[in-house]
Amino acid sequence: MNLLNGLKPRPVHYEVYVECIQSLTTLIATTTEGDFTKAEAENNLVWILRYAGLWSTEALSLASQYDQISSIIIAHWYAAGLYNIGFVGERWWFWREQPVLMIREVSDSLGKEWDAWMEWPLSILANSPLTTMTFTPR
């Protein structure tokens, strides 16, 4: 929120960003602090995936337009998922690649002025065992 509040002038979609950030902050705080059992991590992943369905139509519209701040919010969401995937083993095979690819994609699409905004997702990515995996396009 501090980074968002520091932008001058205030972004046109400020209220939409605040709504998403506030709800995501709660989700991240409850799903990424500590070590989890496999069952706890699976429960966290269910809640993380459900979070995407709670976005307003305006937030979804911004994300589909590759809005930079919306993309950063999405990278944080994926980082929460990536944090938990490390605890569940192979059961979540269908979603294992997605957080790694999306965090990298968002990071690569932003300029250096957004580095501070991407610090947490990139730290989760750097510490994930999935980061070292190589993926071949289909």
Protein backbone atom coordinates (compact mmCIF):
# COMPACT_ATOMS: atom_id res chain seq x y z
CA MET A 1 0.00 0.00 0.00
CA ASN A 2 2.87 2.37 0.73
CA LEU A 3 4.12 2.09 -2.84
CA LEU A 4 0.63 2.68 -4.23
CA ASN A 5 0.05 5.64 -1.93
CA GLY A 6 3.40 7.10 -2.98
CA LEU A 7 2.39 7.38 -6.64
CA LYS A 8 1.76 10.95 -7.74
CA PRO A 9 -0.63 11.66 -9.25
CA ARG A 10 -2.95 9.09 -7.73
CA PRO A 11 -3.75 6.38 -10.32
CA VAL A 12 -7.14 6.61 -12.02
CA HIS A 13 -8.05 3.12 -10.76
CA TYR A 14 -6.74 3.69 -7.24
CA GLU A 15 -9.88 2.41 -5.47
CA VAL A 16 -9.87 -0.82 -7.49
CA TYR A 17 -6.22 -1.43 -6.62
CA VAL A 18 -6.85 -0.74 -2.93
CA GLU A 19 -9.73 -3.23 -2.85
CA CYS A 20 -7.59 -5.94 -4.45
CA ILE A 21 -4.52 -5.23 -2.34
CA GLN A 22 -6.42 -5.21 0.94
CA SER A 23 -8.09 -8.55 0.30
CA LEU A 24 -4.90 -10.09 -1.09
CA THR A 25 -2.89 -8.87 1.90
CA THR A 26 -5.17 -10.84 4.21
CA LEU A 27 -4.90 -13.92 1.98
CA ILE A 28 -1.11 -13.69 1.82
CA ALA A 29 -0.79 -13.20 5.58
CA THR A 30 -2.76 -16.36 6.31
CA THR A 31 -1.32 -18.59 3.59
CA THR A 32 2.38 -17.75 3.40
CA GLU A 33 3.63 -17.39 6.96
CA GLY A 34 5.24 -20.53 8.31
CA ASP A 35 5.61 -24.15 7.35
CA PHE A 36 2.46 -26.04 6.48
CA THR A 37 1.49 -29.67 6.46
CA LYS A 38 0.47 -31.07 3.10
CA ALA A 39 -3.22 -30.83 4.10
CA GLU A 40 -2.85 -27.23 5.29
CA ALA A 41 -1.05 -26.22 2.10
CA GLU A 42 -3.75 -27.87 -0.03
CA ASN A 43 -6.41 -25.98 1.90
CA ASN A 44 -4.42 -22.76 1.37
CA LEU A 45 -4.22 -23.44 -2.38
CA VAL A 46 -7.98 -23.88 -2.55
CA TRP A 47 -8.44 -20.47 -0.91
CA ILE A 48 -5.80 -18.90 -3.13
CA LEU A 49 -7.53 -20.19 -6.26
CA ARG A 50 -10.92 -19.03 -4.96
CA TYR A 51 -9.54 -15.55 -4.43
CA ALA A 52 -9.33 -15.05 -8.19
CA GLY A 53 -13.10 -15.44 -8.38
CA LEU A 54 -13.62 -12.57 -5.96
CA TRP A 55 -12.17 -9.87 -8.19
CA SER A 56 -14.57 -7.21 -9.38
CA THR A 57 -15.33 -6.94 -13.08
CA GLU A 58 -13.36 -3.68 -13.18
CA ALA A 59 -10.29 -5.38 -11.66
CA LEU A 60 -10.58 -8.24 -14.15
CA SER A 61 -10.90 -5.77 -16.99
CA LEU A 62 -7.72 -3.98 -15.90
CA ALA A 63 -5.87 -7.28 -15.63
CA SER A 64 -6.98 -8.31 -19.12
CA GLN A 65 -5.58 -5.01 -20.43
CA TYR A 66 -2.16 -5.82 -18.89
CA ASP A 67 -2.44 -2.88 -16.51
CA GLN A 68 0.91 -2.73 -14.68
CA ILE A 69 -0.42 -2.47 -11.13
CA SER A 70 -2.99 -5.19 -11.76
CA SER A 71 -0.23 -7.38 -13.16
CA ILE A 72 1.82 -6.82 -10.02
CA ILE A 73 -1.16 -7.77 -7.85
CA ILE A 74 -1.56 -10.94 -9.90
CA ALA A 75 2.16 -11.72 -9.45
CA HIS A 76 1.67 -11.51 -5.68
CA TRP A 77 -1.31 -13.86 -5.94
CA TYR A 78 0.75 -16.36 -7.92
CA ALA A 79 3.59 -16.06 -5.39
CA ALA A 80 1.19 -17.07 -2.60
CA GLY A 81 0.29 -20.12 -4.66
CA LEU A 82 3.92 -20.92 -5.41
CA TYR A 83 4.80 -20.73 -1.72
CA ASN A 84 2.23 -23.43 -0.94
CA ILE A 85 2.91 -25.69 -3.90
CA GLY A 86 6.24 -26.56 -2.34
CA PHE A 87 4.39 -28.30 0.51
CA VAL A 88 1.94 -30.43 -1.49
CA GLY A 89 4.11 -32.59 -3.70
CA GLU A 90 2.83 -33.85 -7.02
CA ARG A 91 -0.89 -33.64 -6.31
CA TRP A 92 -1.17 -30.12 -7.75
CA TRP A 93 0.74 -31.02 -10.94
CA PHE A 94 -1.79 -29.14 -13.09
CA TRP A 95 -0.89 -25.79 -11.51
CA ARG A 96 2.80 -26.23 -10.68
CA GLU A 97 4.21 -24.41 -13.69
CA GLN A 98 1.75 -21.54 -13.80
CA PRO A 99 3.02 -19.42 -10.86
CA VAL A 100 6.64 -19.66 -12.00
CA LEU A 101 5.80 -18.70 -15.55
CA MET A 102 3.45 -15.86 -14.59
CA ILE A 103 5.74 -14.26 -12.01
CA ARG A 104 8.57 -14.32 -14.57
CA GLU A 105 6.28 -12.95 -17.28
CA VAL A 106 5.06 -10.06 -15.14
CA SER A 107 8.58 -9.25 -13.98
CA ASP A 108 9.94 -9.33 -17.53
CA SER A 109 7.13 -7.08 -18.82
CA LEU A 110 7.70 -4.29 -16.28
CA GLY A 111 10.38 -1.62 -16.32
CA LYS A 112 12.99 -1.17 -13.61
CA GLU A 113 10.80 1.45 -11.92
CA TRP A 114 8.56 -1.42 -10.73
CA ASP A 115 11.35 -3.50 -9.12
CA ALA A 116 10.36 -2.52 -5.57
CA TRP A 117 6.79 -3.63 -6.28
CA MET A 118 7.98 -7.08 -7.43
CA GLU A 119 10.40 -7.69 -4.55
CA TRP A 120 8.21 -10.19 -2.65
CA PRO A 121 7.02 -12.30 -5.62
CA LEU A 122 10.58 -12.50 -6.93
CA SER A 123 11.89 -13.56 -3.52
CA ILE A 124 9.29 -16.37 -3.38
CA LEU A 125 10.29 -17.35 -6.92
CA ALA A 126 14.00 -17.32 -6.08
CA ASN A 127 13.47 -19.58 -3.06
CA SER A 128 11.18 -22.06 -4.79
CA PRO A 129 12.53 -25.46 -5.85
CA LEU A 130 10.31 -25.14 -8.92
CA THR A 131 12.38 -22.21 -10.18
CA THR A 132 15.20 -24.51 -11.18
CA MET A 133 12.92 -26.68 -13.27
CA THR A 134 13.04 -26.18 -16.99
CA PHE A 135 9.81 -26.13 -18.92
CA THR A 136 9.50 -26.85 -22.57
CA PRO A 137 6.75 -25.13 -24.52
CA ARG A 138 4.15 -27.43 -26.00
